[in-house]
Amino acid sequence: MITLKWIAIAAVALYLVAAVGMALLQTRLIFPAWAVSGDAVPLPTVAERLEIDLPEGGQIVGTRLPATESKPANAAHILAFGGNAWNADVFANYLHAIFPDRDITVFHYRGYSPSDGAPSAQALLEDALLIHDRLQADRIAIVGVSIGTGPAAHLAAERPVAGTLLITPFDSLHALVRGHHPWLPVRALLRHEMEAAQALSRSTAPVAVIAAANDTLVPPRRTVAIREAAQTLVYDRTIAGTDHINIFDSPEFPPALREALERIEGASG
């Protein structure tokens, strides 16, 4: 009886430790700016540095890489939102290698050097609108990767865009975290939320989805909800043998990315 009592006490203690840990460490875990190198990344000589003042002070910093090859007649300007542990300049270089015939803009999230401030779900959503409204482009195609699903879907709902290309996307940050930690009171503890599927359902612009077949970080059911939310799904590809991380190393990924963008551009005229 005593043994059972202590087992119960230990279980409750572990539960409380886990709950407190989520409450205190969630921002560092969801937005690990501390894990992203702030070292300068070599950029093409055509790169332009962009800065946007934040309403509460400070700036967010981005990079624009103009096309270095002839653009197609219906080319859209790519505005990309990377993963939560990505350096924006590395992502800009990656996209430029795949799309040398498109203009590309990527910003460092708040709190990710050299941008100022502190990262949060709400900050990413608000900053997506600031970036869009400062961008000098007639047609903008949004690319969102993983956590970038949130600002990409929000922007698609709030502004006229050529389309939205989502890579390893999730429908709701709360739903995603609950799936990984069903025994914790996620809705009560989690201060960050991105209702990506709900936002995307309000956009009439074409949507493309690229998922990883073996993704355990964003399980298939979380991406299914994104597909179902899209009013105009013009491209849907799941790349076999890949997971949330190594999908970008697959030789099938770059051509899939190009095809997805071309479908968006074609559908949006």
C-alpha atoms as a PDB file:
ATOM      1  CA  MET A   1       0.000   0.000   0.000  1.00  0.00           C
ATOM      2  CA  ILE A   2       2.839   2.371   0.919  1.00  0.00           C
ATOM      3  CA  THR A   3       4.573   1.555  -2.362  1.00  0.00           C
ATOM      4  CA  LEU A   4       1.449   2.392  -4.361  1.00  0.00           C
ATOM      5  CA  LYS A   5       1.093   5.638  -2.457  1.00  0.00           C
ATOM      6  CA  TRP A   6       4.622   6.712  -3.318  1.00  0.00           C
ATOM      7  CA  ILE A   7       4.203   5.671  -6.939  1.00  0.00           C
ATOM      8  CA  ALA A   8       1.102   7.857  -7.119  1.00  0.00           C
ATOM      9  CA  ILE A   9       2.909  10.770  -5.498  1.00  0.00           C
ATOM     10  CA  ALA A  10       5.840  10.376  -7.896  1.00  0.00           C
ATOM     11  CA  ALA A  11       3.478  10.248 -10.893  1.00  0.00           C
ATOM     12  CA  VAL A  12       1.732  13.436  -9.797  1.00  0.00           C
ATOM     13  CA  ALA A  13       5.080  15.131  -9.190  1.00  0.00           C
ATOM     14  CA  LEU A  14       6.338  14.182 -12.660  1.00  0.00           C
ATOM     15  CA  TYR A  15       3.101  15.431 -14.212  1.00  0.00           C
ATOM     16  CA  LEU A  16       3.424  18.763 -12.430  1.00  0.00           C
ATOM     17  CA  VAL A  17       7.073  19.095 -13.445  1.00  0.00           C
ATOM     18  CA  ALA A  18       6.147  18.440 -17.083  1.00  0.00           C
ATOM     19  CA  ALA A  19       3.269  20.936 -16.944  1.00  0.00           C
ATOM     20  CA  VAL A  20       5.418  23.620 -15.331  1.00  0.00           C
ATOM     21  CA  GLY A  21       8.171  22.905 -17.853  1.00  0.00           C
ATOM     22  CA  MET A  22       5.767  23.472 -20.729  1.00  0.00           C
ATOM     23  CA  ALA A  23       4.490  26.670 -19.169  1.00  0.00           C
ATOM     24  CA  LEU A  24       7.978  28.084 -18.597  1.00  0.00           C
ATOM     25  CA  LEU A  25       9.945  26.760 -21.576  1.00  0.00           C
ATOM     26  CA  GLN A  26       7.380  26.732 -24.375  1.00  0.00           C
ATOM     27  CA  THR A  27       8.655  29.844 -26.146  1.00  0.00           C
ATOM     28  CA  ARG A  28      12.246  28.571 -26.168  1.00  0.00           C
ATOM     29  CA  LEU A  29      11.090  25.207 -27.514  1.00  0.00           C
ATOM     30  CA  ILE A  30       8.685  26.480 -30.172  1.00  0.00           C
ATOM     31  CA  PHE A  31      10.915  29.362 -31.250  1.00  0.00           C
ATOM     32  CA  PRO A  32      14.503  28.221 -30.562  1.00  0.00           C
ATOM     33  CA  ALA A  33      16.202  31.424 -31.673  1.00  0.00           C
ATOM     34  CA  TRP A  34      19.023  30.453 -29.299  1.00  0.00           C
ATOM     35  CA  ALA A  35      19.826  27.478 -31.548  1.00  0.00           C
ATOM     36  CA  VAL A  36      20.043  29.476 -34.785  1.00  0.00           C
ATOM     37  CA  SER A  37      23.458  30.854 -35.630  1.00  0.00           C
ATOM     38  CA  GLY A  38      23.580  34.614 -35.963  1.00  0.00           C
ATOM     39  CA  ASP A  39      26.802  34.459 -37.980  1.00  0.00           C
ATOM     40  CA  ALA A  40      26.782  36.262 -41.310  1.00  0.00           C
ATOM     41  CA  VAL A  41      25.792  34.025 -44.218  1.00  0.00           C
ATOM     42  CA  PRO A  42      27.481  34.636 -47.596  1.00  0.00           C
ATOM     43  CA  LEU A  43      24.894  36.039 -50.008  1.00  0.00           C
ATOM     44  CA  PRO A  44      24.990  36.735 -53.755  1.00  0.00           C
ATOM     45  CA  THR A  45      26.249  40.205 -54.683  1.00  0.00           C
ATOM     46  CA  VAL A  46      22.733  41.105 -55.856  1.00  0.00           C
ATOM     47  CA  ALA A  47      21.325  40.675 -52.335  1.00  0.00           C
ATOM     48  CA  GLU A  48      19.512  43.616 -50.762  1.00  0.00           C
ATOM     49  CA  ARG A  49      19.168  44.112 -47.017  1.00  0.00           C
ATOM     50  CA  LEU A  50      15.671  45.080 -45.868  1.00  0.00           C
ATOM     51  CA  GLU A  51      14.661  46.604 -42.541  1.00  0.00           C
ATOM     52  CA  ILE A  52      11.174  47.263 -41.161  1.00  0.00           C
ATOM     53  CA  ASP A  53      10.557  49.271 -38.012  1.00  0.00           C
ATOM     54  CA  LEU A  54       8.340  47.593 -35.437  1.00  0.00           C
ATOM     55  CA  PRO A  55       5.514  49.597 -33.817  1.00  0.00           C
ATOM     56  CA  GLU A  56       6.949  49.029 -30.333  1.00  0.00           C
ATOM     57  CA  GLY A  57      10.525  49.802 -31.383  1.00  0.00           C
ATOM     58  CA  GLY A  58      13.340  47.851 -32.950  1.00  0.00           C
ATOM     59  CA  GLN A  59      13.438  46.295 -36.388  1.00  0.00           C
ATOM     60  CA  ILE A  60      12.999  43.069 -38.244  1.00  0.00           C
ATOM     61  CA  VAL A  61      15.629  42.378 -40.877  1.00  0.00           C
ATOM     62  CA  GLY A  62      15.295  40.527 -44.138  1.00  0.00           C
ATOM     63  CA  THR A  63      17.003  39.735 -47.415  1.00  0.00           C
ATOM     64  CA  ARG A  64      15.782  40.219 -50.962  1.00  0.00           C
ATOM     65  CA  LEU A  65      17.454  38.230 -53.717  1.00  0.00           C
ATOM     66  CA  PRO A  66      16.448  39.541 -57.156  1.00  0.00           C
ATOM     67  CA  ALA A  67      16.173  37.045 -59.995  1.00  0.00           C
ATOM     68  CA  THR A  68      19.440  36.407 -61.813  1.00  0.00           C
ATOM     69  CA  GLU A  69      17.784  34.686 -64.774  1.00  0.00           C
ATOM     70  CA  SER A  70      14.941  35.758 -67.045  1.00  0.00           C
ATOM     71  CA  LYS A  71      11.586  35.572 -65.276  1.00  0.00           C
ATOM     72  CA  PRO A  72       8.568  33.803 -66.786  1.00  0.00           C
ATOM     73  CA  ALA A  73       5.779  36.122 -67.931  1.00  0.00           C
ATOM     74  CA  ASN A  74       3.568  35.248 -64.960  1.00  0.00           C
ATOM     75  CA  ALA A  75       6.341  35.055 -62.338  1.00  0.00           C
ATOM     76  CA  ALA A  76       5.356  35.896 -58.770  1.00  0.00           C
ATOM     77  CA  HIS A  77       7.631  37.364 -56.124  1.00  0.00           C
ATOM     78  CA  ILE A  78       8.336  34.657 -53.529  1.00  0.00           C
ATOM     79  CA  LEU A  79       7.835  35.749 -49.921  1.00  0.00           C
ATOM     80  CA  ALA A  80       8.993  32.890 -47.699  1.00  0.00           C
ATOM     81  CA  PHE A  81       8.601  32.018 -44.024  1.00  0.00           C
ATOM     82  CA  GLY A  82      11.033  29.366 -42.832  1.00  0.00           C
ATOM     83  CA  GLY A  83      11.089  26.761 -40.088  1.00  0.00           C
ATOM     84  CA  ASN A  84      11.542  27.601 -36.422  1.00  0.00           C
ATOM     85  CA  ALA A  85      15.256  26.761 -36.397  1.00  0.00           C
ATOM     86  CA  TRP A  86      16.155  28.224 -39.774  1.00  0.00           C
ATOM     87  CA  ASN A  87      18.425  31.127 -40.595  1.00  0.00           C
ATOM     88  CA  ALA A  88      16.511  33.313 -43.059  1.00  0.00           C
ATOM     89  CA  ASP A  89      19.585  34.013 -45.198  1.00  0.00           C
ATOM     90  CA  VAL A  90      20.330  30.302 -45.550  1.00  0.00           C
ATOM     91  CA  PHE A  91      16.715  29.776 -46.625  1.00  0.00           C
ATOM     92  CA  ALA A  92      16.951  32.653 -49.123  1.00  0.00           C
ATOM     93  CA  ASN A  93      20.059  31.076 -50.670  1.00  0.00           C
ATOM     94  CA  TYR A  94      18.341  27.689 -50.827  1.00  0.00           C
ATOM     95  CA  LEU A  95      15.312  29.098 -52.617  1.00  0.00           C
ATOM     96  CA  HIS A  96      17.464  31.168 -54.960  1.00  0.00           C
ATOM     97  CA  ALA A  97      19.285  28.010 -56.064  1.00  0.00           C
ATOM     98  CA  ILE A  98      15.934  26.453 -57.018  1.00  0.00           C
ATOM     99  CA  PHE A  99      14.327  29.636 -58.338  1.00  0.00           C
ATOM    100  CA  PRO A 100      17.063  31.783 -59.926  1.00  0.00           C
ATOM    101  CA  ASP A 101      14.311  33.193 -62.173  1.00  0.00           C
ATOM    102  CA  ARG A 102      12.200  34.600 -59.311  1.00  0.00           C
ATOM    103  CA  ASP A 103      12.617  37.457 -56.863  1.00  0.00           C
ATOM    104  CA  ILE A 104      12.823  36.105 -53.308  1.00  0.00           C
ATOM    105  CA  THR A 105      12.344  37.777 -49.932  1.00  0.00           C
ATOM    106  CA  VAL A 106      12.880  36.137 -46.537  1.00  0.00           C
ATOM    107  CA  PHE A 107      12.893  37.845 -43.120  1.00  0.00           C
ATOM    108  CA  HIS A 108      14.472  36.789 -39.858  1.00  0.00           C
ATOM    109  CA  TYR A 109      11.708  36.254 -37.310  1.00  0.00           C
ATOM    110  CA  ARG A 110      11.529  38.559 -34.316  1.00  0.00           C
ATOM    111  CA  GLY A 111      14.170  37.591 -31.784  1.00  0.00           C
ATOM    112  CA  TYR A 112      16.210  35.771 -34.423  1.00  0.00           C
ATOM    113  CA  SER A 113      19.423  37.728 -34.990  1.00  0.00           C
ATOM    114  CA  PRO A 114      19.772  40.260 -36.533  1.00  0.00           C
ATOM    115  CA  SER A 115      16.049  41.027 -35.978  1.00  0.00           C
ATOM    116  CA  ASP A 116      15.078  42.631 -32.686  1.00  0.00           C
ATOM    117  CA  GLY A 117      12.314  41.750 -30.246  1.00  0.00           C
ATOM    118  CA  ALA A 118      11.047  38.466 -28.863  1.00  0.00           C
ATOM    119  CA  PRO A 119       9.495  35.667 -30.934  1.00  0.00           C
ATOM    120  CA  SER A 120       5.900  34.593 -30.457  1.00  0.00           C
ATOM    121  CA  ALA A 121       3.099  33.213 -32.584  1.00  0.00           C
ATOM    122  CA  GLN A 122       1.302  36.556 -32.531  1.00  0.00           C
ATOM    123  CA  ALA A 123       4.484  38.408 -33.519  1.00  0.00           C
ATOM    124  CA  LEU A 124       4.999  36.161 -36.541  1.00  0.00           C
ATOM    125  CA  LEU A 125       1.418  36.708 -37.698  1.00  0.00           C
ATOM    126  CA  GLU A 126       1.594  40.478 -37.265  1.00  0.00           C
ATOM    127  CA  ASP A 127       5.000  40.765 -38.915  1.00  0.00           C
ATOM    128  CA  ALA A 128       3.827  38.806 -41.964  1.00  0.00           C
ATOM    129  CA  LEU A 129       1.386  41.626 -42.719  1.00  0.00           C
ATOM    130  CA  LEU A 130       4.037  44.302 -42.136  1.00  0.00           C
ATOM    131  CA  ILE A 131       6.415  42.573 -44.527  1.00  0.00           C
ATOM    132  CA  HIS A 132       3.774  42.098 -47.214  1.00  0.00           C
ATOM    133  CA  ASP A 133       2.683  45.715 -47.030  1.00  0.00           C
ATOM    134  CA  ARG A 134       6.261  46.965 -47.422  1.00  0.00           C
ATOM    135  CA  LEU A 135       7.133  44.640 -50.272  1.00  0.00           C
ATOM    136  CA  GLN A 136       7.199  46.312 -53.671  1.00  0.00           C
ATOM    137  CA  ALA A 137       5.709  43.532 -55.792  1.00  0.00           C
ATOM    138  CA  ASP A 138       2.576  43.182 -57.920  1.00  0.00           C
ATOM    139  CA  ARG A 139       2.107  39.438 -57.401  1.00  0.00           C
ATOM    140  CA  ILE A 140       3.293  37.636 -54.282  1.00  0.00           C
ATOM    141  CA  ALA A 141       3.415  33.876 -53.823  1.00  0.00           C
ATOM    142  CA  ILE A 142       3.859  32.839 -50.197  1.00  0.00           C
ATOM    143  CA  VAL A 143       6.019  29.895 -49.159  1.00  0.00           C
ATOM    144  CA  GLY A 144       5.627  28.582 -45.619  1.00  0.00           C
ATOM    145  CA  VAL A 145       7.708  25.806 -44.073  1.00  0.00           C
ATOM    146  CA  SER A 146       6.641  24.050 -40.855  1.00  0.00           C
ATOM    147  CA  ILE A 147       6.146  26.879 -38.287  1.00  0.00           C
ATOM    148  CA  GLY A 148       6.060  29.210 -41.295  1.00  0.00           C
ATOM    149  CA  THR A 149       2.677  27.660 -42.100  1.00  0.00           C
ATOM    150  CA  GLY A 150       1.154  30.005 -39.521  1.00  0.00           C
ATOM    151  CA  PRO A 151       2.236  33.375 -40.932  1.00  0.00           C
ATOM    152  CA  ALA A 152       1.805  32.137 -44.520  1.00  0.00           C
ATOM    153  CA  ALA A 153      -1.814  31.070 -43.978  1.00  0.00           C
ATOM    154  CA  HIS A 154      -2.581  34.212 -41.972  1.00  0.00           C
ATOM    155  CA  LEU A 155      -1.202  36.414 -44.726  1.00  0.00           C
ATOM    156  CA  ALA A 156      -3.195  34.543 -47.376  1.00  0.00           C
ATOM    157  CA  ALA A 157      -6.368  35.212 -45.382  1.00  0.00           C
ATOM    158  CA  GLU A 158      -5.666  38.903 -44.820  1.00  0.00           C
ATOM    159  CA  ARG A 159      -4.121  40.064 -48.098  1.00  0.00           C
ATOM    160  CA  PRO A 160      -4.623  39.366 -51.836  1.00  0.00           C
ATOM    161  CA  VAL A 161      -1.842  36.985 -52.884  1.00  0.00           C
ATOM    162  CA  ALA A 162      -1.058  34.923 -55.968  1.00  0.00           C
ATOM    163  CA  GLY A 163      -1.091  31.740 -53.916  1.00  0.00           C
ATOM    164  CA  THR A 164       0.287  29.831 -50.948  1.00  0.00           C
ATOM    165  CA  LEU A 165       2.819  26.977 -51.062  1.00  0.00           C
ATOM    166  CA  LEU A 166       3.009  25.072 -47.786  1.00  0.00           C
ATOM    167  CA  ILE A 167       5.733  22.560 -46.927  1.00  0.00           C
ATOM    168  CA  THR A 168       5.235  20.060 -44.073  1.00  0.00           C
ATOM    169  CA  PRO A 169       2.295  22.180 -42.846  1.00  0.00           C
ATOM    170  CA  PHE A 170       0.098  21.820 -39.762  1.00  0.00           C
ATOM    171  CA  ASP A 171      -3.499  22.915 -39.187  1.00  0.00           C
ATOM    172  CA  SER A 172      -3.248  24.253 -35.627  1.00  0.00           C
ATOM    173  CA  LEU A 173      -0.327  24.706 -33.268  1.00  0.00           C
ATOM    174  CA  HIS A 174      -2.476  23.682 -30.288  1.00  0.00           C
ATOM    175  CA  ALA A 175      -3.646  20.530 -32.093  1.00  0.00           C
ATOM    176  CA  LEU A 176      -0.076  19.686 -33.051  1.00  0.00           C
ATOM    177  CA  VAL A 177       1.226  20.023 -29.493  1.00  0.00           C
ATOM    178  CA  ARG A 178      -1.764  18.133 -28.050  1.00  0.00           C
ATOM    179  CA  GLY A 179      -1.018  15.255 -30.393  1.00  0.00           C
ATOM    180  CA  HIS A 180       2.512  14.986 -29.008  1.00  0.00           C
ATOM    181  CA  HIS A 181       1.494  15.546 -25.377  1.00  0.00           C
ATOM    182  CA  PRO A 182      -2.096  14.295 -24.975  1.00  0.00           C
ATOM    183  CA  TRP A 183      -1.694  13.925 -21.212  1.00  0.00           C
ATOM    184  CA  LEU A 184      -0.979  17.629 -20.650  1.00  0.00           C
ATOM    185  CA  PRO A 185      -3.592  20.444 -20.460  1.00  0.00           C
ATOM    186  CA  VAL A 186      -2.204  22.026 -23.624  1.00  0.00           C
ATOM    187  CA  ARG A 187      -5.066  24.435 -24.239  1.00  0.00           C
ATOM    188  CA  ALA A 188      -4.684  25.873 -20.738  1.00  0.00           C
ATOM    189  CA  LEU A 189      -0.883  26.058 -20.786  1.00  0.00           C
ATOM    190  CA  LEU A 190       0.103  26.918 -24.361  1.00  0.00           C
ATOM    191  CA  ARG A 191       0.302  30.670 -24.892  1.00  0.00           C
ATOM    192  CA  HIS A 192       1.077  30.430 -28.613  1.00  0.00           C
ATOM    193  CA  GLU A 193      -1.476  29.554 -31.255  1.00  0.00           C
ATOM    194  CA  MET A 194      -1.620  29.553 -35.034  1.00  0.00           C
ATOM    195  CA  GLU A 195      -4.937  28.428 -36.510  1.00  0.00           C
ATOM    196  CA  ALA A 196      -3.475  27.845 -39.962  1.00  0.00           C
ATOM    197  CA  ALA A 197      -6.290  25.730 -41.413  1.00  0.00           C
ATOM    198  CA  GLN A 198      -8.924  28.157 -40.198  1.00  0.00           C
ATOM    199  CA  ALA A 199      -7.035  31.076 -41.733  1.00  0.00           C
ATOM    200  CA  LEU A 200      -6.407  29.256 -45.000  1.00  0.00           C
ATOM    201  CA  SER A 201     -10.111  28.478 -45.358  1.00  0.00           C
ATOM    202  CA  ARG A 202     -10.737  32.226 -45.709  1.00  0.00           C
ATOM    203  CA  SER A 203      -8.440  32.553 -48.724  1.00  0.00           C
ATOM    204  CA  THR A 204      -9.596  31.975 -52.308  1.00  0.00           C
ATOM    205  CA  ALA A 205      -6.034  31.990 -53.688  1.00  0.00           C
ATOM    206  CA  PRO A 206      -4.599  28.703 -55.006  1.00  0.00           C
ATOM    207  CA  VAL A 207      -2.819  26.461 -52.510  1.00  0.00           C
ATOM    208  CA  ALA A 208      -0.055  23.879 -52.982  1.00  0.00           C
ATOM    209  CA  VAL A 209       0.990  21.351 -50.342  1.00  0.00           C
ATOM    210  CA  ILE A 210       4.200  19.322 -50.149  1.00  0.00           C
ATOM    211  CA  ALA A 211       4.436  16.826 -47.287  1.00  0.00           C
ATOM    212  CA  ALA A 212       6.927  14.224 -46.065  1.00  0.00           C
ATOM    213  CA  ALA A 213       5.660  10.638 -46.001  1.00  0.00           C
ATOM    214  CA  ASN A 214       7.464   9.743 -42.764  1.00  0.00           C
ATOM    215  CA  ASP A 215       6.929  13.014 -40.918  1.00  0.00           C
ATOM    216  CA  THR A 216       6.587  12.355 -37.190  1.00  0.00           C
ATOM    217  CA  LEU A 217       6.882  15.975 -36.070  1.00  0.00           C
ATOM    218  CA  VAL A 218       3.843  16.998 -38.163  1.00  0.00           C
ATOM    219  CA  PRO A 219       1.768  13.787 -38.439  1.00  0.00           C
ATOM    220  CA  PRO A 220      -0.290  13.225 -41.608  1.00  0.00           C
ATOM    221  CA  ARG A 221      -3.624  14.030 -39.894  1.00  0.00           C
ATOM    222  CA  ARG A 222      -2.401  17.566 -39.183  1.00  0.00           C
ATOM    223  CA  THR A 223      -1.626  18.084 -42.879  1.00  0.00           C
ATOM    224  CA  VAL A 224      -4.877  16.456 -44.026  1.00  0.00           C
ATOM    225  CA  ALA A 225      -6.759  19.216 -42.234  1.00  0.00           C
ATOM    226  CA  ILE A 226      -4.796  21.836 -44.221  1.00  0.00           C
ATOM    227  CA  ARG A 227      -5.701  20.173 -47.507  1.00  0.00           C
ATOM    228  CA  GLU A 228      -9.342  20.075 -46.522  1.00  0.00           C
ATOM    229  CA  ALA A 229      -9.285  23.748 -45.559  1.00  0.00           C
ATOM    230  CA  ALA A 230      -7.924  24.918 -48.910  1.00  0.00           C
ATOM    231  CA  GLN A 231     -10.649  26.257 -51.196  1.00  0.00           C
ATOM    232  CA  THR A 232      -8.486  25.783 -54.304  1.00  0.00           C
ATOM    233  CA  LEU A 233      -5.893  23.031 -53.907  1.00  0.00           C
ATOM    234  CA  VAL A 234      -3.884  23.056 -57.151  1.00  0.00           C
ATOM    235  CA  TYR A 235      -0.995  20.802 -56.100  1.00  0.00           C
ATOM    236  CA  ASP A 236      -0.664  18.039 -53.501  1.00  0.00           C
ATOM    237  CA  ARG A 237       2.492  15.962 -53.218  1.00  0.00           C
ATOM    238  CA  THR A 238       3.782  13.637 -50.518  1.00  0.00           C
ATOM    239  CA  ILE A 239       7.420  12.686 -51.035  1.00  0.00           C
ATOM    240  CA  ALA A 240       8.108   9.054 -50.152  1.00  0.00           C
ATOM    241  CA  GLY A 241      10.969   8.099 -47.847  1.00  0.00           C
ATOM    242  CA  THR A 242      11.340  11.553 -46.324  1.00  0.00           C
ATOM    243  CA  ASP A 243      10.713  13.037 -42.895  1.00  0.00           C
ATOM    244  CA  HIS A 244      10.271  16.551 -41.529  1.00  0.00           C
ATOM    245  CA  ILE A 245      13.998  17.301 -41.831  1.00  0.00           C
ATOM    246  CA  ASN A 246      15.445  15.335 -44.731  1.00  0.00           C
ATOM    247  CA  ILE A 247      12.687  16.196 -47.214  1.00  0.00           C
ATOM    248  CA  PHE A 248      14.894  19.115 -48.280  1.00  0.00           C
ATOM    249  CA  ASP A 249      17.703  16.698 -49.178  1.00  0.00           C
ATOM    250  CA  SER A 250      15.501  14.574 -51.437  1.00  0.00           C
ATOM    251  CA  PRO A 251      16.263  14.905 -55.165  1.00  0.00           C
ATOM    252  CA  GLU A 252      12.498  14.886 -55.693  1.00  0.00           C
ATOM    253  CA  PHE A 253      11.949  18.009 -53.620  1.00  0.00           C
ATOM    254  CA  PRO A 254      13.338  20.821 -55.854  1.00  0.00           C
ATOM    255  CA  PRO A 255      11.350  19.759 -58.950  1.00  0.00           C
ATOM    256  CA  ALA A 256       8.248  19.342 -56.788  1.00  0.00           C
ATOM    257  CA  LEU A 257       8.771  22.848 -55.440  1.00  0.00           C
ATOM    258  CA  ARG A 258       9.083  24.288 -58.937  1.00  0.00           C
ATOM    259  CA  GLU A 259       6.025  22.432 -60.170  1.00  0.00           C
ATOM    260  CA  ALA A 260       4.002  23.593 -57.177  1.00  0.00           C
ATOM    261  CA  LEU A 261       4.906  27.241 -57.783  1.00  0.00           C
ATOM    262  CA  GLU A 262       4.164  26.958 -61.499  1.00  0.00           C
ATOM    263  CA  ARG A 263       0.722  25.506 -60.697  1.00  0.00           C
ATOM    264  CA  ILE A 264       0.045  28.434 -58.370  1.00  0.00           C
ATOM    265  CA  GLU A 265       1.195  31.002 -60.911  1.00  0.00           C
ATOM    266  CA  GLY A 266      -0.792  29.363 -63.666  1.00  0.00           C
ATOM    267  CA  ALA A 267      -3.955  29.153 -61.574  1.00  0.00           C
ATOM    268  CA  SER A 268      -3.748  32.764 -60.428  1.00  0.00           C
ATOM    269  CA  GLY A 269      -3.234  34.112 -63.941  1.00  0.00           C
END
